[in-house]
C-alpha atoms as a PDB file:
ATOM      1  CA  UNK A   1      -0.135  -0.097  -0.126  1.00  0.00           C
ATOM      2  CA  UNK A   2       1.690   3.214  -0.747  1.00  0.00           C
ATOM      3  CA  UNK A   3       1.153   6.716   0.054  1.00  0.00           C
ATOM      4  CA  UNK A   4      -1.347   8.052  -2.785  1.00  0.00           C
ATOM      5  CA  UNK A   5      -4.055   5.124  -1.615  1.00  0.00           C
ATOM      6  CA  UNK A   6      -3.054   6.113   2.105  1.00  0.00           C
ATOM      7  CA  UNK A   7      -4.230   9.851   1.060  1.00  0.00           C
ATOM      8  CA  UNK A   8      -6.983   8.641  -0.757  1.00  0.00           C
ATOM      9  CA  UNK A   9      -8.572   7.050   2.035  1.00  0.00           C
ATOM     10  CA  UNK A  10      -9.351  10.833   3.868  1.00  0.00           C
ATOM     11  CA  UNK A  11     -13.087  10.327   4.412  1.00  0.00           C
ATOM     12  CA  UNK A  12     -13.219   6.780   4.081  1.00  0.00           C
ATOM     13  CA  UNK A  13     -16.117   5.199   6.859  1.00  0.00           C
ATOM     14  CA  UNK A  14     -15.717   1.820   7.177  1.00  0.00           C
ATOM     15  CA  UNK A  15     -16.430  -0.875  10.316  1.00  0.00           C
ATOM     16  CA  UNK A  16     -14.228  -2.669  11.649  1.00  0.00           C
ATOM     17  CA  UNK A  17     -14.086  -6.709  13.950  1.00  0.00           C
ATOM     18  CA  UNK A  18     -10.703  -7.210  16.179  1.00  0.00           C
ATOM     19  CA  UNK A  19      -9.620 -10.680  17.346  1.00  0.00           C
ATOM     20  CA  UNK A  20      -7.136 -11.511  19.855  1.00  0.00           C
ATOM     21  CA  UNK A  21      -5.380 -14.418  18.531  1.00  0.00           C
ATOM     22  CA  UNK A  22      -1.823 -14.390  20.402  1.00  0.00           C
ATOM     23  CA  UNK A  23      -2.648 -18.354  21.228  1.00  0.00           C
ATOM     24  CA  UNK A  24      -2.908 -19.017  17.253  1.00  0.00           C
ATOM     25  CA  UNK A  25       0.038 -18.746  14.547  1.00  0.00           C
ATOM     26  CA  UNK A  26      -0.216 -16.559  11.893  1.00  0.00           C
ATOM     27  CA  UNK A  27      -0.528 -19.705   9.229  1.00  0.00           C
ATOM     28  CA  UNK A  28      -3.299 -21.322  11.566  1.00  0.00           C
ATOM     29  CA  UNK A  29      -5.477 -19.081   9.699  1.00  0.00           C
ATOM     30  CA  UNK A  30      -4.018 -18.385   6.317  1.00  0.00           C
ATOM     31  CA  UNK A  31      -4.316 -21.776   5.533  1.00  0.00           C
ATOM     32  CA  UNK A  32      -7.842 -22.872   7.191  1.00  0.00           C
ATOM     33  CA  UNK A  33      -9.920 -19.732   6.241  1.00  0.00           C
ATOM     34  CA  UNK A  34      -8.697 -19.373   2.981  1.00  0.00           C
ATOM     35  CA  UNK A  35      -6.565 -15.837   3.477  1.00  0.00           C
ATOM     36  CA  UNK A  36      -4.372 -14.751   0.479  1.00  0.00           C
ATOM     37  CA  UNK A  37      -1.621 -11.934   0.763  1.00  0.00           C
ATOM     38  CA  UNK A  38      -2.008  -8.530  -1.086  1.00  0.00           C
ATOM     39  CA  UNK A  39       1.009  -6.443   0.877  1.00  0.00           C
ATOM     40  CA  UNK A  40       4.257  -7.115   1.482  1.00  0.00           C
ATOM     41  CA  UNK A  41       4.392  -6.956   5.822  1.00  0.00           C
ATOM     42  CA  UNK A  42       6.016  -3.990   7.215  1.00  0.00           C
ATOM     43  CA  UNK A  43       7.021  -2.456  10.408  1.00  0.00           C
ATOM     44  CA  UNK A  44       4.239   0.480  11.132  1.00  0.00           C
ATOM     45  CA  UNK A  45       4.882   3.352  13.852  1.00  0.00           C
ATOM     46  CA  UNK A  46       2.292   5.058  15.358  1.00  0.00           C
ATOM     47  CA  UNK A  47       2.646   8.580  17.633  1.00  0.00           C
ATOM     48  CA  UNK A  48      -0.649   9.037  19.735  1.00  0.00           C
ATOM     49  CA  UNK A  49      -2.015  12.405  21.021  1.00  0.00           C
ATOM     50  CA  UNK A  50      -4.212  13.341  23.814  1.00  0.00           C
ATOM     51  CA  UNK A  51      -4.253  16.446  26.329  1.00  0.00           C
ATOM     52  CA  UNK A  52      -3.377  16.412  29.349  1.00  0.00           C
ATOM     53  CA  UNK A  53      -6.370  14.675  31.275  1.00  0.00           C
ATOM     54  CA  UNK A  54      -6.209  11.869  28.699  1.00  0.00           C
ATOM     55  CA  UNK A  55      -9.683  12.445  27.622  1.00  0.00           C
ATOM     56  CA  UNK A  56      -9.479  10.553  24.756  1.00  0.00           C
ATOM     57  CA  UNK A  57      -8.461   7.571  26.316  1.00  0.00           C
ATOM     58  CA  UNK A  58     -10.929   7.542  28.898  1.00  0.00           C
ATOM     59  CA  UNK A  59     -13.692   7.969  26.701  1.00  0.00           C
ATOM     60  CA  UNK A  60     -12.291   4.800  24.519  1.00  0.00           C
ATOM     61  CA  UNK A  61     -11.853   2.915  27.450  1.00  0.00           C
ATOM     62  CA  UNK A  62     -15.469   3.716  28.899  1.00  0.00           C
ATOM     63  CA  UNK A  63     -16.833   3.279  25.040  1.00  0.00           C
ATOM     64  CA  UNK A  64     -18.201   6.683  24.964  1.00  0.00           C
ATOM     65  CA  UNK A  65     -19.127   7.921  21.456  1.00  0.00           C
ATOM     66  CA  UNK A  66     -18.947  10.239  19.434  1.00  0.00           C
ATOM     67  CA  UNK A  67     -14.951  10.418  20.280  1.00  0.00           C
ATOM     68  CA  UNK A  68     -11.677  11.307  18.449  1.00  0.00           C
ATOM     69  CA  UNK A  69      -8.133   9.804  18.263  1.00  0.00           C
ATOM     70  CA  UNK A  70      -5.729  11.597  16.903  1.00  0.00           C
ATOM     71  CA  UNK A  71      -1.939   9.959  15.791  1.00  0.00           C
ATOM     72  CA  UNK A  72       0.583  10.314  13.363  1.00  0.00           C
ATOM     73  CA  UNK A  73       2.139   7.120  11.545  1.00  0.00           C
ATOM     74  CA  UNK A  74       4.810   6.496   9.881  1.00  0.00           C
ATOM     75  CA  UNK A  75       6.388   3.806   8.163  1.00  0.00           C
ATOM     76  CA  UNK A  76       9.925   4.781   7.524  1.00  0.00           C
ATOM     77  CA  UNK A  77      11.468   8.633   9.075  1.00  0.00           C
ATOM     78  CA  UNK A  78      11.070  10.538   6.440  1.00  0.00           C
ATOM     79  CA  UNK A  79       7.551  10.441   5.256  1.00  0.00           C
ATOM     80  CA  UNK A  80       4.569  10.810   8.321  1.00  0.00           C
ATOM     81  CA  UNK A  81       0.730  10.882   7.906  1.00  0.00           C
ATOM     82  CA  UNK A  82      -1.498  12.547  10.325  1.00  0.00           C
ATOM     83  CA  UNK A  83      -4.349  10.755  11.229  1.00  0.00           C
ATOM     84  CA  UNK A  84      -7.915  11.665  12.493  1.00  0.00           C
ATOM     85  CA  UNK A  85     -10.148   8.934  13.392  1.00  0.00           C
ATOM     86  CA  UNK A  86     -13.492   9.765  14.640  1.00  0.00           C
ATOM     87  CA  UNK A  87     -16.192   7.132  15.656  1.00  0.00           C
ATOM     88  CA  UNK A  88     -20.141   6.841  15.829  1.00  0.00           C
ATOM     89  CA  UNK A  89     -22.403   4.368  16.984  1.00  0.00           C
ATOM     90  CA  UNK A  90     -21.920   2.477  13.983  1.00  0.00           C
ATOM     91  CA  UNK A  91     -18.399   3.259  12.335  1.00  0.00           C
ATOM     92  CA  UNK A  92     -15.271   4.733  11.917  1.00  0.00           C
ATOM     93  CA  UNK A  93     -14.262   7.784   9.721  1.00  0.00           C
ATOM     94  CA  UNK A  94     -10.581   8.139   9.141  1.00  0.00           C
ATOM     95  CA  UNK A  95      -9.158  11.596   7.232  1.00  0.00           C
ATOM     96  CA  UNK A  96      -5.358  11.431   6.706  1.00  0.00           C
ATOM     97  CA  UNK A  97      -3.600  14.239   5.584  1.00  0.00           C
ATOM     98  CA  UNK A  98       0.624  13.672   4.666  1.00  0.00           C
ATOM     99  CA  UNK A  99       2.338  16.284   6.525  1.00  0.00           C
ATOM    100  CA  UNK A 100       6.085  17.309   5.950  1.00  0.00           C
ATOM    101  CA  UNK A 101       6.636  18.519   9.893  1.00  0.00           C
ATOM    102  CA  UNK A 102       5.814  16.279  12.083  1.00  0.00           C
ATOM    103  CA  UNK A 103       6.446  19.110  15.285  1.00  0.00           C
ATOM    104  CA  UNK A 104       3.184  21.181  13.731  1.00  0.00           C
ATOM    105  CA  UNK A 105       0.004  19.279  13.668  1.00  0.00           C
ATOM    106  CA  UNK A 106      -1.716  22.405  15.257  1.00  0.00           C
ATOM    107  CA  UNK A 107      -3.206  23.632  12.178  1.00  0.00           C
ATOM    108  CA  UNK A 108      -4.417  20.859  10.882  1.00  0.00           C
ATOM    109  CA  UNK A 109      -6.079  19.872  13.711  1.00  0.00           C
ATOM    110  CA  UNK A 110      -8.041  23.351  13.826  1.00  0.00           C
ATOM    111  CA  UNK A 111      -8.926  22.837  10.668  1.00  0.00           C
ATOM    112  CA  UNK A 112     -10.423  19.478  11.322  1.00  0.00           C
ATOM    113  CA  UNK A 113     -12.707  20.843  14.933  1.00  0.00           C
ATOM    114  CA  UNK A 114     -10.355  20.079  17.234  1.00  0.00           C
ATOM    115  CA  UNK A 115      -9.039  22.933  19.343  1.00  0.00           C
ATOM    116  CA  UNK A 116      -7.398  21.193  22.487  1.00  0.00           C
ATOM    117  CA  UNK A 117      -4.091  21.477  23.192  1.00  0.00           C
ATOM    118  CA  UNK A 118      -2.853  17.987  22.404  1.00  0.00           C
ATOM    119  CA  UNK A 119       0.640  16.451  23.234  1.00  0.00           C
ATOM    120  CA  UNK A 120       2.262  12.791  22.182  1.00  0.00           C
ATOM    121  CA  UNK A 121       2.484  10.633  24.554  1.00  0.00           C
ATOM    122  CA  UNK A 122       2.467   6.673  23.465  1.00  0.00           C
ATOM    123  CA  UNK A 123       4.325   5.433  20.663  1.00  0.00           C
ATOM    124  CA  UNK A 124       3.508   2.261  19.091  1.00  0.00           C
ATOM    125  CA  UNK A 125       5.708  -0.111  16.482  1.00  0.00           C
ATOM    126  CA  UNK A 126       4.100  -3.332  15.453  1.00  0.00           C
ATOM    127  CA  UNK A 127       4.560  -5.592  12.282  1.00  0.00           C
ATOM    128  CA  UNK A 128       1.958  -5.683  10.223  1.00  0.00           C
ATOM    129  CA  UNK A 129       0.620  -8.285   7.495  1.00  0.00           C
ATOM    130  CA  UNK A 130      -2.100  -7.270   4.892  1.00  0.00           C
ATOM    131  CA  UNK A 131      -4.828 -10.296   3.437  1.00  0.00           C
ATOM    132  CA  UNK A 132      -7.634 -10.466   1.377  1.00  0.00           C
ATOM    133  CA  UNK A 133     -10.512 -12.826   2.672  1.00  0.00           C
ATOM    134  CA  UNK A 134     -14.063 -14.184   1.680  1.00  0.00           C
ATOM    135  CA  UNK A 135     -15.530 -11.282   3.976  1.00  0.00           C
ATOM    136  CA  UNK A 136     -12.974  -8.293   3.307  1.00  0.00           C
ATOM    137  CA  UNK A 137      -9.876  -6.788   3.962  1.00  0.00           C
ATOM    138  CA  UNK A 138      -7.960  -8.353   6.920  1.00  0.00           C
ATOM    139  CA  UNK A 139      -4.390  -7.524   8.851  1.00  0.00           C
ATOM    140  CA  UNK A 140      -2.803  -9.716  11.347  1.00  0.00           C
ATOM    141  CA  UNK A 141      -0.793  -7.442  13.342  1.00  0.00           C
ATOM    142  CA  UNK A 142       2.334  -8.876  15.758  1.00  0.00           C
ATOM    143  CA  UNK A 143       5.908  -7.992  17.665  1.00  0.00           C
ATOM    144  CA  UNK A 144       4.006  -5.141  19.365  1.00  0.00           C
ATOM    145  CA  UNK A 145       5.742  -3.007  21.145  1.00  0.00           C
ATOM    146  CA  UNK A 146       5.099   0.254  23.075  1.00  0.00           C
ATOM    147  CA  UNK A 147       7.080   3.164  24.774  1.00  0.00           C
ATOM    148  CA  UNK A 148       6.919   6.770  25.735  1.00  0.00           C
ATOM    149  CA  UNK A 149       7.171   9.317  23.064  1.00  0.00           C
ATOM    150  CA  UNK A 150       9.547  11.223  24.170  1.00  0.00           C
ATOM    151  CA  UNK A 151       8.570  14.939  22.205  1.00  0.00           C
ATOM    152  CA  UNK A 152      12.085  16.271  21.593  1.00  0.00           C
ATOM    153  CA  UNK A 153      13.088  12.998  20.208  1.00  0.00           C
ATOM    154  CA  UNK A 154      10.182  11.307  18.030  1.00  0.00           C
ATOM    155  CA  UNK A 155      12.402   7.952  17.079  1.00  0.00           C
ATOM    156  CA  UNK A 156      13.264   7.679  20.916  1.00  0.00           C
ATOM    157  CA  UNK A 157      11.793   4.911  22.702  1.00  0.00           C
ATOM    158  CA  UNK A 158      11.548   5.048  26.569  1.00  0.00           C
ATOM    159  CA  UNK A 159      10.244   2.687  28.844  1.00  0.00           C
ATOM    160  CA  UNK A 160       9.817   0.155  26.241  1.00  0.00           C
ATOM    161  CA  UNK A 161       7.857  -2.582  26.580  1.00  0.00           C
ATOM    162  CA  UNK A 162       7.428  -5.845  24.706  1.00  0.00           C
ATOM    163  CA  UNK A 163       3.831  -7.522  23.840  1.00  0.00           C
ATOM    164  CA  UNK A 164       3.372 -11.061  22.700  1.00  0.00           C
ATOM    165  CA  UNK A 165       0.162 -10.179  21.198  1.00  0.00           C
ATOM    166  CA  UNK A 166      -1.287 -10.632  17.630  1.00  0.00           C
ATOM    167  CA  UNK A 167      -4.640  -8.882  16.371  1.00  0.00           C
ATOM    168  CA  UNK A 168      -6.310 -10.030  13.630  1.00  0.00           C
ATOM    169  CA  UNK A 169      -8.969  -7.492  12.133  1.00  0.00           C
ATOM    170  CA  UNK A 170     -11.365  -7.575   9.404  1.00  0.00           C
ATOM    171  CA  UNK A 171     -12.104  -3.992   7.981  1.00  0.00           C
ATOM    172  CA  UNK A 172     -15.583  -3.079   6.009  1.00  0.00           C
ATOM    173  CA  UNK A 173     -15.380  -0.333   3.732  1.00  0.00           C
ATOM    174  CA  UNK A 174     -19.216   0.044   3.712  1.00  0.00           C
ATOM    175  CA  UNK A 175     -20.937   0.219   7.387  1.00  0.00           C
ATOM    176  CA  UNK A 176     -23.870  -1.728   5.672  1.00  0.00           C
ATOM    177  CA  UNK A 177     -21.994  -4.407   4.579  1.00  0.00           C
ATOM    178  CA  UNK A 178     -20.771  -5.283   8.156  1.00  0.00           C
ATOM    179  CA  UNK A 179     -21.643  -9.048   8.331  1.00  0.00           C
ATOM    180  CA  UNK A 180     -20.534 -11.610  11.052  1.00  0.00           C
ATOM    181  CA  UNK A 181     -17.073 -13.380  10.831  1.00  0.00           C
ATOM    182  CA  UNK A 182     -17.230 -16.943  12.291  1.00  0.00           C
ATOM    183  CA  UNK A 183     -14.147 -19.237  13.272  1.00  0.00           C
ATOM    184  CA  UNK A 184     -15.759 -22.525  13.115  1.00  0.00           C
ATOM    185  CA  UNK A 185     -13.876 -25.087  15.580  1.00  0.00           C
ATOM    186  CA  UNK A 186     -12.029 -22.420  17.831  1.00  0.00           C
ATOM    187  CA  UNK A 187     -13.158 -20.392  20.796  1.00  0.00           C
ATOM    188  CA  UNK A 188     -12.685 -17.044  18.998  1.00  0.00           C
ATOM    189  CA  UNK A 189     -14.738 -13.910  20.327  1.00  0.00           C
ATOM    190  CA  UNK A 190     -14.808 -10.680  18.572  1.00  0.00           C
ATOM    191  CA  UNK A 191     -13.264  -7.166  21.108  1.00  0.00           C
ATOM    192  CA  UNK A 192     -12.170  -3.931  21.135  1.00  0.00           C
ATOM    193  CA  UNK A 193      -8.789  -3.416  21.609  1.00  0.00           C
ATOM    194  CA  UNK A 194      -6.865  -0.297  20.984  1.00  0.00           C
ATOM    195  CA  UNK A 195      -2.837  -0.039  21.356  1.00  0.00           C
ATOM    196  CA  UNK A 196      -3.051   3.446  22.208  1.00  0.00           C
ATOM    197  CA  UNK A 197      -5.340   2.209  25.615  1.00  0.00           C
ATOM    198  CA  UNK A 198      -2.998  -0.414  25.422  1.00  0.00           C
ATOM    199  CA  UNK A 199      -0.060   1.349  25.492  1.00  0.00           C
ATOM    200  CA  UNK A 200      -1.582   3.599  28.234  1.00  0.00           C
ATOM    201  CA  UNK A 201      -2.306   0.619  30.512  1.00  0.00           C
ATOM    202  CA  UNK A 202       0.941  -0.737  30.458  1.00  0.00           C
ATOM    203  CA  UNK A 203       2.708   1.858  30.794  1.00  0.00           C
ATOM    204  CA  UNK A 204       1.394   5.447  32.083  1.00  0.00           C
ATOM    205  CA  UNK A 205      -0.600   3.372  34.980  1.00  0.00           C
ATOM    206  CA  UNK A 206       3.125   1.548  36.005  1.00  0.00           C
ATOM    207  CA  UNK A 207       4.658   5.049  36.314  1.00  0.00           C
ATOM    208  CA  UNK A 208       1.712   7.020  37.634  1.00  0.00           C
ATOM    209  CA  UNK A 209      -0.898   4.467  39.133  1.00  0.00           C
ATOM    210  CA  UNK A 210      -3.279   7.380  40.161  1.00  0.00           C
ATOM    211  CA  UNK A 211      -3.713   7.770  36.524  1.00  0.00           C
END
């Protein structure tokens, strides 16, 4: 998936289903559920932003909608994308904006109705594989690590925590086409899973127990 494809996703509404597949091998799903790899796997970096009260985190944890999530995503240190995700009761809307200066996102946020003062706090790195299935596009994320984001050096990892979790996600571009996906013969249930919230729980709550 190239930069042009990501930019063209601006304003797309989609639904998604997530499963924790940590107890299974990726090959199990590939062979048993006819997954066809469509892009080369790659490492992804995400820097998540929030205000000083961590309102985005708390809204996500409590499942309150509407809510937003703000992050910078990059695949190499020379090309950055600001992603603003909005969620309502039925779907998610993601806007993607290519930016040249990782330190200056305020005017992009204001243009998109976000006037709160946000700061970077959690950095997430993971390896993603891309598949096509009978029900839609599927991604599998593994080798997930979380660290505190240093505002003076976005590429530096502080208090890094490595997770053994693996997440399979089914994405639906049309919210009216969302259908249940059953993994027959195994106990696997749909669940909410936010890498941002996981990072806060794993790192910030250990450093700041009263968070």
